Amino acid sequence: MATALARKAVSTTLTTGIKRQVVDRTAQIIQLTFPQVSVAQQASRKYFAVFVSTVSVLGFLALLGINTLLAQDAFKLSNLKVEAKMVADQRDAITRSIDAHSAPEALAAAATALGMKPSETPIFLNLPTSGEVTRG
């Protein structure tokens, strides 16, 4: 039993040693992947990050301004469409009024009010034939 415990202790020590070697080698590879940066390089990276952030913020503000202007134009367009609809409705109302005043019944009533009388013997001009006047 003592030998089994000794074997287990040796096995554990070897496993721990192998794990330690793997961890150390991994740490060396990671350090080689990311080289050491000096204080001046860190400062220049800081200023670059500030510059990129500032440019991004200004770009977003410009986009916000453009979108706001486009939204205002959309409201203007909507108002102009409503106004154009009102003008078209007014034009239609005026056209209907003109049509009502120029209807034959309205013209006959206006002529009678002015003292005109309907013709007893109407005269028709027949142009397509020979251009002669026909009494009717």
Protein backbone atom coordinates (compact mmCIF):
# COMPACT_ATOMS: atom_id res chain seq x y z
CA MET A 1 0.00 0.00 0.00
CA ALA A 2 2.90 2.29 0.67
CA THR A 3 4.11 1.75 -2.85
CA ALA A 4 0.70 2.67 -4.25
CA LEU A 5 0.76 5.89 -2.26
CA ALA A 6 4.29 6.59 -3.43
CA ARG A 7 3.32 5.98 -7.04
CA LYS A 8 0.32 8.27 -6.66
CA ALA A 9 2.51 10.99 -5.14
CA VAL A 10 5.05 10.70 -7.95
CA SER A 11 2.25 10.76 -10.54
CA THR A 12 0.74 13.85 -8.95
CA THR A 13 4.11 15.58 -8.87
CA LEU A 14 4.77 14.78 -12.52
CA THR A 15 1.30 15.98 -13.54
CA THR A 16 1.76 19.17 -11.56
CA GLY A 17 5.18 19.69 -13.14
CA ILE A 18 3.80 19.18 -16.67
CA LYS A 19 0.91 21.56 -15.98
CA ARG A 20 3.37 24.15 -14.70
CA GLN A 21 5.50 23.81 -17.87
CA VAL A 22 2.42 24.21 -20.10
CA VAL A 23 1.31 27.31 -18.21
CA ASP A 24 4.81 28.85 -18.39
CA ARG A 25 5.13 28.13 -22.12
CA THR A 26 1.67 29.61 -22.79
CA ALA A 27 2.58 32.76 -20.86
CA GLN A 28 5.80 33.12 -22.92
CA ILE A 29 3.85 32.80 -26.20
CA ILE A 30 1.30 35.39 -25.10
CA GLN A 31 4.06 37.81 -24.09
CA LEU A 32 5.69 37.37 -27.50
CA THR A 33 2.34 37.99 -29.23
CA PHE A 34 1.84 41.31 -27.43
CA PRO A 35 5.17 43.13 -27.28
CA GLN A 36 5.99 45.52 -24.47
CA VAL A 37 4.87 49.07 -25.17
CA SER A 38 6.78 52.11 -23.96
CA VAL A 39 5.16 55.03 -22.13
CA ALA A 40 5.46 57.24 -25.24
CA GLN A 41 3.68 54.63 -27.37
CA GLN A 42 0.95 54.32 -24.74
CA ALA A 43 0.51 58.12 -24.78
CA SER A 44 0.32 58.21 -28.58
CA ARG A 45 -2.29 55.43 -28.49
CA LYS A 46 -4.24 57.43 -25.93
CA TYR A 47 -4.25 60.52 -28.16
CA PHE A 48 -5.23 58.40 -31.15
CA ALA A 49 -8.13 56.92 -29.19
CA VAL A 50 -9.25 60.41 -28.19
CA PHE A 51 -8.99 61.55 -31.81
CA VAL A 52 -11.01 58.59 -33.12
CA SER A 53 -13.63 59.10 -30.41
CA THR A 54 -13.91 62.81 -31.25
CA VAL A 55 -14.27 62.12 -34.97
CA SER A 56 -16.93 59.48 -34.24
CA VAL A 57 -18.92 61.84 -32.01
CA LEU A 58 -18.74 64.63 -34.61
CA GLY A 59 -19.89 62.18 -37.31
CA PHE A 60 -22.85 61.07 -35.21
CA LEU A 61 -23.78 64.70 -34.53
CA ALA A 62 -23.62 65.46 -38.26
CA LEU A 63 -25.89 62.48 -39.00
CA LEU A 64 -28.29 63.65 -36.31
CA GLY A 65 -28.40 67.12 -37.88
CA ILE A 66 -29.01 65.72 -41.37
CA ASN A 67 -31.80 63.45 -40.11
CA THR A 68 -33.41 66.38 -38.29
CA LEU A 69 -33.35 68.49 -41.47
CA LEU A 70 -34.85 65.62 -43.46
CA ALA A 71 -37.61 65.23 -40.90
CA GLN A 72 -38.38 68.97 -41.12
CA ASP A 73 -38.57 68.68 -44.91
CA ALA A 74 -40.97 65.75 -44.52
CA PHE A 75 -43.25 67.88 -42.32
CA LYS A 76 -43.10 70.74 -44.85
CA LEU A 77 -43.94 68.32 -47.65
CA SER A 78 -46.90 66.99 -45.68
CA ASN A 79 -48.18 70.52 -45.04
CA LEU A 80 -47.77 71.45 -48.71
CA LYS A 81 -49.70 68.34 -49.78
CA VAL A 82 -52.58 69.33 -47.47
CA GLU A 83 -52.49 72.87 -48.86
CA ALA A 84 -52.48 71.59 -52.45
CA LYS A 85 -55.50 69.40 -51.65
CA MET A 86 -57.35 72.45 -50.24
CA VAL A 87 -56.54 74.51 -53.35
CA ALA A 88 -57.74 71.67 -55.61
CA ASP A 89 -60.99 71.49 -53.61
CA GLN A 90 -61.46 75.26 -53.96
CA ARG A 91 -60.81 75.04 -57.70
CA ASP A 92 -63.39 72.27 -58.01
CA ALA A 93 -65.93 74.35 -56.07
CA ILE A 94 -65.34 77.36 -58.34
CA THR A 95 -65.64 75.15 -61.44
CA ARG A 96 -68.96 73.76 -60.16
CA SER A 97 -70.18 77.31 -59.49
CA ILE A 98 -69.24 78.41 -63.03
CA ASP A 99 -70.96 75.32 -64.46
CA ALA A 100 -74.11 76.11 -62.45
CA HIS A 101 -74.15 79.72 -63.69
CA SER A 102 -73.58 78.69 -67.31
CA ALA A 103 -76.24 75.99 -67.35
CA PRO A 104 -79.01 76.56 -69.93
CA GLU A 105 -81.68 77.06 -67.26
CA ALA A 106 -79.57 79.65 -65.42
CA LEU A 107 -78.79 81.49 -68.68
CA ALA A 108 -82.48 81.52 -69.65
CA ALA A 109 -83.43 82.91 -66.22
CA ALA A 110 -80.73 85.61 -66.45
CA ALA A 111 -81.87 86.57 -69.97
CA THR A 112 -85.48 86.82 -68.85
CA ALA A 113 -84.40 89.01 -65.92
CA LEU A 114 -82.70 91.34 -68.41
CA GLY A 115 -85.89 91.58 -70.45
CA MET A 116 -84.99 89.24 -73.28
CA LYS A 117 -87.58 86.96 -74.83
CA PRO A 118 -87.16 83.60 -76.51
CA SER A 119 -87.14 83.72 -80.31
CA GLU A 120 -90.39 82.80 -82.02
CA THR A 121 -88.68 81.80 -85.27
CA PRO A 122 -85.21 80.37 -84.69
CA ILE A 123 -82.71 80.46 -87.54
CA PHE A 124 -80.24 77.62 -88.03
CA LEU A 125 -77.06 77.90 -90.05
CA ASN A 126 -76.18 74.70 -91.91
CA LEU A 127 -72.44 74.98 -92.62
CA PRO A 128 -71.45 71.49 -93.69
CA THR A 129 -73.79 71.40 -96.67
CA SER A 130 -73.84 74.44 -98.89
CA GLY A 131 -73.72 77.20 -96.29
CA GLU A 132 -77.32 78.30 -96.89
CA VAL A 133 -79.58 79.62 -94.14
CA THR A 134 -82.56 77.51 -93.21
CA ARG A 135 -85.59 78.92 -91.42
CA GLY A 136 -87.05 76.68 -88.94
